[in-house]
Amino acid sequence: MAKAAEQAKLLRLRRLEKVRDIAKQAAAREAAEAESTLAQLEALAARTGQLIGDYATRIDAPDAASLRLLTSFRTSLAGVGEATRTDALRAKTFADAKLAHLAAAERSRQAVEDRARSTAEALAQAATPMAQGARKQLGTALE
């Protein structure tokens, strides 16, 4: 009866291992999406920073109205740049959390795999008869 219970336990562990593997794959997909979003936002932040730098050096306003518009545009662009940097930092935090979730999913899957392996080894060991070593003969060779 114990053997049947161990086999049932092994089957449950194998199913759990498959479930954990699927969860790990989903976590990996989410982490990849978060990293992709982070890369896009970092590129956007870099481009916005470059635009801010380019417009900061412009002084070619022919009149006061153009200068006022240019100053207003610079201010708005600086706001966009700040928002983009904030979004990139938030995306980095989110991507880090997704990577941590992926690592936890892998550890969980690995733990179940290890338990299943040890259960399978115990079943295999129980199925093989124990080899008994040669017994020491009693008496002497002269008998």
N, C-alpha and C. Protein backbone atom coordinates (compact mmCIF):
# COMPACT_ATOMS: atom_id res chain seq x y z
N MET A 1 0.82 -1.19 0.00
CA MET A 1 0.00 0.00 0.00
C MET A 1 0.86 1.26 0.00
N ALA A 2 1.99 1.20 0.68
CA ALA A 2 2.87 2.35 0.74
C ALA A 2 3.44 2.67 -0.64
N LYS A 3 3.67 1.63 -1.41
CA LYS A 3 4.21 1.84 -2.76
C LYS A 3 3.20 2.58 -3.63
N ALA A 4 1.94 2.20 -3.52
CA ALA A 4 0.88 2.88 -4.30
C ALA A 4 0.77 4.34 -3.88
N ALA A 5 0.89 4.59 -2.59
CA ALA A 5 0.81 5.97 -2.10
C ALA A 5 2.00 6.79 -2.62
N GLU A 6 3.17 6.18 -2.63
CA GLU A 6 4.36 6.87 -3.15
C GLU A 6 4.23 7.15 -4.64
N GLN A 7 3.66 6.20 -5.38
CA GLN A 7 3.46 6.42 -6.82
C GLN A 7 2.44 7.53 -7.07
N ALA A 8 1.39 7.56 -6.25
CA ALA A 8 0.39 8.63 -6.38
C ALA A 8 1.04 9.98 -6.04
N LYS A 9 1.89 9.99 -5.03
CA LYS A 9 2.60 11.21 -4.66
C LYS A 9 3.50 11.67 -5.79
N LEU A 10 4.18 10.72 -6.43
CA LEU A 10 5.05 11.05 -7.55
C LEU A 10 4.24 11.64 -8.70
N LEU A 11 3.09 11.07 -9.00
CA LEU A 11 2.23 11.61 -10.07
C LEU A 11 1.79 13.04 -9.73
N ARG A 12 1.39 13.27 -8.48
CA ARG A 12 0.99 14.63 -8.08
C ARG A 12 2.16 15.60 -8.22
N LEU A 13 3.34 15.16 -7.83
CA LEU A 13 4.51 16.03 -7.95
C LEU A 13 4.84 16.34 -9.40
N ARG A 14 4.69 15.35 -10.28
CA ARG A 14 4.94 15.59 -11.72
C ARG A 14 3.94 16.60 -12.28
N ARG A 15 2.66 16.46 -11.89
CA ARG A 15 1.64 17.42 -12.35
C ARG A 15 1.95 18.82 -11.80
N LEU A 16 2.32 18.88 -10.53
CA LEU A 16 2.66 20.16 -9.93
C LEU A 16 3.87 20.77 -10.62
N GLU A 17 4.82 19.94 -10.99
CA GLU A 17 6.01 20.43 -11.71
C GLU A 17 5.62 21.04 -13.05
N LYS A 18 4.68 20.40 -13.74
CA LYS A 18 4.22 20.96 -15.02
C LYS A 18 3.51 22.30 -14.82
N VAL A 19 2.69 22.38 -13.77
CA VAL A 19 1.99 23.63 -13.48
C VAL A 19 2.99 24.73 -13.15
N ARG A 20 3.99 24.40 -12.35
CA ARG A 20 5.00 25.39 -11.98
C ARG A 20 5.83 25.79 -13.19
N ASP A 21 6.05 24.87 -14.12
CA ASP A 21 6.80 25.20 -15.33
C ASP A 21 6.00 26.18 -16.19
N ILE A 22 4.70 25.96 -16.27
CA ILE A 22 3.84 26.88 -17.03
C ILE A 22 3.83 28.26 -16.37
N ALA A 23 3.78 28.28 -15.03
CA ALA A 23 3.83 29.56 -14.31
C ALA A 23 5.15 30.26 -14.55
N LYS A 24 6.24 29.49 -14.61
CA LYS A 24 7.56 30.08 -14.87
C LYS A 24 7.61 30.67 -16.28
N GLN A 25 7.02 29.97 -17.24
CA GLN A 25 7.01 30.48 -18.61
C GLN A 25 6.20 31.78 -18.69
N ALA A 26 5.08 31.83 -17.98
CA ALA A 26 4.27 33.06 -17.97
C ALA A 26 5.05 34.20 -17.32
N ALA A 27 5.75 33.89 -16.23
CA ALA A 27 6.57 34.92 -15.56
C ALA A 27 7.69 35.39 -16.47
N ALA A 28 8.27 34.48 -17.23
CA ALA A 28 9.34 34.86 -18.16
C ALA A 28 8.80 35.77 -19.26
N ARG A 29 7.61 35.45 -19.75
CA ARG A 29 7.00 36.28 -20.79
C ARG A 29 6.70 37.68 -20.24
N GLU A 30 6.16 37.76 -19.02
CA GLU A 30 5.86 39.05 -18.41
C GLU A 30 7.14 39.85 -18.17
N ALA A 31 8.19 39.16 -17.74
CA ALA A 31 9.47 39.85 -17.50
C ALA A 31 10.04 40.39 -18.81
N ALA A 32 9.91 39.62 -19.88
CA ALA A 32 10.41 40.07 -21.18
C ALA A 32 9.63 41.29 -21.67
N GLU A 33 8.32 41.27 -21.47
CA GLU A 33 7.50 42.42 -21.86
C GLU A 33 7.88 43.66 -21.05
N ALA A 34 8.10 43.47 -19.76
CA ALA A 34 8.49 44.60 -18.89
C ALA A 34 9.85 45.15 -19.30
N GLU A 35 10.77 44.27 -19.64
CA GLU A 35 12.10 44.71 -20.09
C GLU A 35 12.00 45.45 -21.42
N SER A 36 11.13 44.99 -22.30
CA SER A 36 10.94 45.67 -23.59
C SER A 36 10.36 47.07 -23.39
N THR A 37 9.38 47.17 -22.51
CA THR A 37 8.79 48.47 -22.21
C THR A 37 9.82 49.40 -21.60
N LEU A 38 10.63 48.85 -20.70
CA LEU A 38 11.69 49.64 -20.08
C LEU A 38 12.67 50.17 -21.14
N ALA A 39 13.07 49.31 -22.06
CA ALA A 39 14.00 49.73 -23.10
C ALA A 39 13.40 50.85 -23.96
N GLN A 40 12.13 50.72 -24.30
CA GLN A 40 11.47 51.75 -25.10
C GLN A 40 11.41 53.08 -24.35
N LEU A 41 11.07 53.01 -23.06
CA LEU A 41 10.98 54.25 -22.28
C LEU A 41 12.35 54.88 -22.07
N GLU A 42 13.37 54.06 -21.88
CA GLU A 42 14.71 54.62 -21.74
C GLU A 42 15.17 55.29 -23.03
N ALA A 43 14.84 54.69 -24.17
CA ALA A 43 15.18 55.30 -25.46
C ALA A 43 14.42 56.61 -25.65
N LEU A 44 13.15 56.61 -25.25
CA LEU A 44 12.34 57.82 -25.36
C LEU A 44 12.88 58.92 -24.44
N ALA A 45 13.29 58.53 -23.24
CA ALA A 45 13.85 59.52 -22.30
C ALA A 45 15.16 60.09 -22.85
N ALA A 46 15.97 59.25 -23.45
CA ALA A 46 17.23 59.73 -24.04
C ALA A 46 16.95 60.69 -25.19
N ARG A 47 16.00 60.34 -26.03
CA ARG A 47 15.66 61.21 -27.17
C ARG A 47 15.07 62.54 -26.69
N THR A 48 14.22 62.47 -25.67
CA THR A 48 13.64 63.70 -25.12
C THR A 48 14.73 64.58 -24.51
N GLY A 49 15.67 63.96 -23.80
CA GLY A 49 16.79 64.71 -23.24
C GLY A 49 17.62 65.39 -24.33
N GLN A 50 17.79 64.68 -25.43
CA GLN A 50 18.54 65.25 -26.55
C GLN A 50 17.79 66.45 -27.14
N LEU A 51 16.48 66.33 -27.28
CA LEU A 51 15.68 67.45 -27.78
C LEU A 51 15.75 68.64 -26.84
N ILE A 52 15.68 68.38 -25.54
CA ILE A 52 15.78 69.47 -24.56
C ILE A 52 17.12 70.19 -24.71
N GLY A 53 18.19 69.40 -24.87
CA GLY A 53 19.51 70.00 -25.06
C GLY A 53 19.60 70.80 -26.33
N ASP A 54 19.01 70.28 -27.40
CA ASP A 54 19.04 71.00 -28.68
C ASP A 54 18.29 72.32 -28.61
N TYR A 55 17.12 72.31 -27.99
CA TYR A 55 16.33 73.55 -27.91
C TYR A 55 16.88 74.51 -26.86
N ALA A 56 17.64 74.02 -25.91
CA ALA A 56 18.21 74.91 -24.89
C ALA A 56 19.26 75.84 -25.49
N THR A 57 19.91 75.37 -26.55
CA THR A 57 20.97 76.18 -27.17
C THR A 57 20.46 77.10 -28.27
N ARG A 58 19.20 76.96 -28.65
CA ARG A 58 18.67 77.83 -29.72
C ARG A 58 18.44 79.24 -29.20
N ILE A 59 18.93 80.16 -29.94
CA ILE A 59 18.72 81.58 -29.59
C ILE A 59 18.35 82.39 -30.84
N ASP A 60 17.79 81.72 -31.82
CA ASP A 60 17.52 82.38 -33.11
C ASP A 60 16.11 82.95 -33.21
N ALA A 61 15.55 83.42 -32.12
CA ALA A 61 14.22 84.02 -32.17
C ALA A 61 14.32 85.44 -32.73
N PRO A 62 13.62 85.72 -33.83
CA PRO A 62 13.73 87.05 -34.45
C PRO A 62 13.00 88.15 -33.69
N ASP A 63 11.99 87.77 -32.91
CA ASP A 63 11.27 88.82 -32.18
C ASP A 63 10.82 88.28 -30.82
N ALA A 64 10.19 89.12 -30.04
CA ALA A 64 9.80 88.77 -28.67
C ALA A 64 8.73 87.67 -28.66
N ALA A 65 7.82 87.70 -29.61
CA ALA A 65 6.77 86.67 -29.65
C ALA A 65 7.38 85.30 -29.92
N SER A 66 8.33 85.24 -30.83
CA SER A 66 9.00 83.97 -31.13
C SER A 66 9.80 83.49 -29.93
N LEU A 67 10.43 84.43 -29.24
CA LEU A 67 11.20 84.09 -28.04
C LEU A 67 10.27 83.54 -26.95
N ARG A 68 9.11 84.18 -26.81
CA ARG A 68 8.14 83.71 -25.81
C ARG A 68 7.65 82.31 -26.17
N LEU A 69 7.35 82.06 -27.44
CA LEU A 69 6.92 80.73 -27.87
C LEU A 69 8.02 79.69 -27.65
N LEU A 70 9.24 80.05 -27.96
CA LEU A 70 10.37 79.15 -27.78
C LEU A 70 10.57 78.81 -26.30
N THR A 71 10.45 79.80 -25.46
CA THR A 71 10.59 79.57 -24.01
C THR A 71 9.46 78.68 -23.50
N SER A 72 8.26 78.93 -23.97
CA SER A 72 7.11 78.11 -23.58
C SER A 72 7.30 76.66 -24.04
N PHE A 73 7.81 76.51 -25.26
CA PHE A 73 8.05 75.16 -25.79
C PHE A 73 9.12 74.44 -24.97
N ARG A 74 10.19 75.15 -24.61
CA ARG A 74 11.26 74.56 -23.79
C ARG A 74 10.71 74.09 -22.45
N THR A 75 9.87 74.92 -21.85
CA THR A 75 9.28 74.56 -20.56
C THR A 75 8.40 73.32 -20.68
N SER A 76 7.59 73.29 -21.71
CA SER A 76 6.73 72.12 -21.94
C SER A 76 7.56 70.88 -22.22
N LEU A 77 8.60 71.04 -23.01
CA LEU A 77 9.47 69.92 -23.35
C LEU A 77 10.20 69.40 -22.09
N ALA A 78 10.58 70.32 -21.21
CA ALA A 78 11.21 69.90 -19.95
C ALA A 78 10.22 69.09 -19.10
N GLY A 79 8.95 69.49 -19.11
CA GLY A 79 7.92 68.73 -18.38
C GLY A 79 7.75 67.33 -18.96
N VAL A 80 7.75 67.25 -20.29
CA VAL A 80 7.64 65.95 -20.95
C VAL A 80 8.86 65.08 -20.62
N GLY A 81 10.03 65.71 -20.61
CA GLY A 81 11.25 64.98 -20.28
C GLY A 81 11.21 64.43 -18.86
N GLU A 82 10.74 65.22 -17.93
CA GLU A 82 10.63 64.78 -16.53
C GLU A 82 9.63 63.63 -16.40
N ALA A 83 8.49 63.76 -17.08
CA ALA A 83 7.49 62.69 -17.03
C ALA A 83 8.05 61.40 -17.65
N THR A 84 8.80 61.54 -18.72
CA THR A 84 9.38 60.36 -19.37
C THR A 84 10.40 59.68 -18.46
N ARG A 85 11.23 60.48 -17.79
CA ARG A 85 12.21 59.90 -16.85
C ARG A 85 11.50 59.20 -15.69
N THR A 86 10.43 59.81 -15.20
CA THR A 86 9.66 59.20 -14.11
C THR A 86 9.04 57.88 -14.57
N ASP A 87 8.50 57.87 -15.79
CA ASP A 87 7.92 56.63 -16.34
C ASP A 87 8.99 55.56 -16.51
N ALA A 88 10.18 55.95 -16.93
CA ALA A 88 11.27 54.99 -17.11
C ALA A 88 11.70 54.41 -15.77
N LEU A 89 11.76 55.24 -14.74
CA LEU A 89 12.10 54.73 -13.40
C LEU A 89 11.03 53.77 -12.89
N ARG A 90 9.78 54.12 -13.11
CA ARG A 90 8.68 53.24 -12.70
C ARG A 90 8.74 51.92 -13.48
N ALA A 91 9.06 52.00 -14.76
CA ALA A 91 9.17 50.78 -15.57
C ALA A 91 10.34 49.92 -15.11
N LYS A 92 11.42 50.56 -14.68
CA LYS A 92 12.57 49.81 -14.17
C LYS A 92 12.19 49.06 -12.90
N THR A 93 11.49 49.72 -12.01
CA THR A 93 11.03 49.08 -10.78
C THR A 93 10.11 47.91 -11.10
N PHE A 94 9.21 48.11 -12.05
CA PHE A 94 8.27 47.07 -12.45
C PHE A 94 9.02 45.89 -13.09
N ALA A 95 9.99 46.19 -13.95
CA ALA A 95 10.76 45.13 -14.59
C ALA A 95 11.59 44.35 -13.57
N ASP A 96 12.15 45.05 -12.60
CA ASP A 96 12.90 44.37 -11.54
C ASP A 96 11.99 43.44 -10.75
N ALA A 97 10.78 43.90 -10.46
CA ALA A 97 9.82 43.06 -9.74
C ALA A 97 9.44 41.82 -10.56
N LYS A 98 9.28 42.00 -11.86
CA LYS A 98 8.94 40.86 -12.73
C LYS A 98 10.10 39.87 -12.79
N LEU A 99 11.33 40.37 -12.81
CA LEU A 99 12.49 39.48 -12.80
C LEU A 99 12.59 38.72 -11.47
N ALA A 100 12.27 39.39 -10.38
CA ALA A 100 12.26 38.72 -9.08
C ALA A 100 11.18 37.65 -9.04
N HIS A 101 10.02 37.96 -9.63
CA HIS A 101 8.93 36.98 -9.70
C HIS A 101 9.35 35.77 -10.55
N LEU A 102 10.07 36.03 -11.62
CA LEU A 102 10.58 34.94 -12.47
C LEU A 102 11.55 34.06 -11.69
N ALA A 103 12.44 34.68 -10.94
CA ALA A 103 13.40 33.91 -10.14
C ALA A 103 12.68 33.06 -9.09
N ALA A 104 11.65 33.63 -8.46
CA ALA A 104 10.88 32.87 -7.46
C ALA A 104 10.14 31.71 -8.12
N ALA A 105 9.60 31.93 -9.31
CA ALA A 105 8.90 30.85 -10.02
C ALA A 105 9.87 29.73 -10.38
N GLU A 106 11.08 30.09 -10.78
CA GLU A 106 12.08 29.07 -11.10
C GLU A 106 12.48 28.29 -9.85
N ARG A 107 12.66 28.98 -8.73
CA ARG A 107 13.01 28.28 -7.49
C ARG A 107 11.89 27.33 -7.08
N SER A 108 10.66 27.78 -7.21
CA SER A 108 9.51 26.94 -6.86
C SER A 108 9.44 25.71 -7.75
N ARG A 109 9.65 25.90 -9.05
CA ARG A 109 9.63 24.77 -9.98
C ARG A 109 10.77 23.81 -9.68
N GLN A 110 11.93 24.35 -9.39
CA GLN A 110 13.10 23.52 -9.09
C GLN A 110 12.88 22.71 -7.82
N ALA A 111 12.26 23.31 -6.81
CA ALA A 111 11.99 22.59 -5.56
C ALA A 111 11.07 21.40 -5.80
N VAL A 112 10.03 21.60 -6.61
CA VAL A 112 9.11 20.50 -6.91
C VAL A 112 9.84 19.44 -7.73
N GLU A 113 10.67 19.86 -8.67
CA GLU A 113 11.43 18.90 -9.47
C GLU A 113 12.35 18.06 -8.58
N ASP A 114 13.00 18.71 -7.62
CA ASP A 114 13.89 17.98 -6.71
C ASP A 114 13.11 16.99 -5.85
N ARG A 115 11.93 17.41 -5.35
CA ARG A 115 11.10 16.49 -4.56
C ARG A 115 10.64 15.31 -5.40
N ALA A 116 10.26 15.58 -6.65
CA ALA A 116 9.81 14.49 -7.53
C ALA A 116 10.97 13.54 -7.82
N ARG A 117 12.15 14.09 -8.03
CA ARG A 117 13.32 13.25 -8.31
C ARG A 117 13.64 12.36 -7.11
N SER A 118 13.61 12.94 -5.92
CA SER A 118 13.93 12.14 -4.73
C SER A 118 12.86 11.08 -4.49
N THR A 119 11.60 11.39 -4.76
CA THR A 119 10.53 10.40 -4.61
C THR A 119 10.70 9.28 -5.63
N ALA A 120 11.05 9.63 -6.87
CA ALA A 120 11.27 8.61 -7.90
C ALA A 120 12.46 7.73 -7.54
N GLU A 121 13.50 8.34 -7.00
CA GLU A 121 14.67 7.55 -6.59
C GLU A 121 14.31 6.61 -5.44
N ALA A 122 13.51 7.10 -4.51
CA ALA A 122 13.09 6.25 -3.38
C ALA A 122 12.25 5.08 -3.87
N LEU A 123 11.36 5.34 -4.84
CA LEU A 123 10.56 4.26 -5.41
C LEU A 123 11.44 3.26 -6.15
N ALA A 124 12.39 3.74 -6.89
CA ALA A 124 13.28 2.85 -7.63
C ALA A 124 14.13 2.02 -6.67
N GLN A 125 14.57 2.65 -5.61
CA GLN A 125 15.38 1.93 -4.64
C GLN A 125 14.55 0.89 -3.90
N ALA A 126 13.30 1.20 -3.62
CA ALA A 126 12.43 0.24 -2.94
C ALA A 126 12.09 -0.93 -3.86
N ALA A 127 12.08 -0.70 -5.16
CA ALA A 127 11.72 -1.75 -6.11
C ALA A 127 12.87 -2.73 -6.34
N THR A 128 14.08 -2.30 -6.15
CA THR A 128 15.21 -3.21 -6.36
C THR A 128 15.51 -3.92 -5.06
N PRO A 129 15.69 -5.23 -5.16
CA PRO A 129 15.98 -5.98 -3.92
C PRO A 129 17.37 -5.60 -3.43
N MET A 130 17.49 -5.58 -2.13
CA MET A 130 18.78 -5.23 -1.55
C MET A 130 19.74 -6.39 -1.76
N ALA A 131 20.86 -6.09 -2.30
CA ALA A 131 21.87 -7.11 -2.51
C ALA A 131 22.51 -7.43 -1.17
N GLN A 132 22.49 -8.70 -0.88
CA GLN A 132 23.10 -9.10 0.38
C GLN A 132 24.51 -9.57 0.08
N GLY A 133 25.40 -9.07 0.86
CA GLY A 133 26.79 -9.42 0.66
C GLY A 133 27.04 -10.87 1.04
N ALA A 134 28.17 -11.39 0.62
CA ALA A 134 28.53 -12.77 0.95
C ALA A 134 28.68 -12.88 2.46
N ARG A 135 28.10 -13.95 2.98
CA ARG A 135 28.19 -14.15 4.41
C ARG A 135 29.52 -14.77 4.76
N LYS A 136 29.99 -14.38 5.86
CA LYS A 136 31.24 -14.95 6.36
C LYS A 136 30.96 -16.37 6.86
N GLN A 137 31.74 -17.27 6.40
CA GLN A 137 31.53 -18.65 6.82
C GLN A 137 31.95 -18.85 8.27
N LEU A 138 31.22 -19.67 8.87
CA LEU A 138 31.56 -20.03 10.26
C LEU A 138 32.56 -21.15 10.25
N GLY A 139 33.36 -21.18 11.22
CA GLY A 139 34.32 -22.27 11.35
C GLY A 139 35.61 -21.95 10.62
N THR A 140 36.35 -22.98 10.35
CA THR A 140 37.64 -22.81 9.69
C THR A 140 37.65 -23.56 8.38
N ALA A 141 38.64 -23.30 7.59
CA ALA A 141 38.75 -23.96 6.29
C ALA A 141 39.09 -25.45 6.47
N LEU A 142 39.55 -25.84 7.60
CA LEU A 142 39.92 -27.22 7.87
C LEU A 142 38.72 -28.11 8.14
N GLU A 143 37.60 -27.59 8.44
CA GLU A 143 36.42 -28.41 8.76
C GLU A 143 35.82 -29.05 7.57
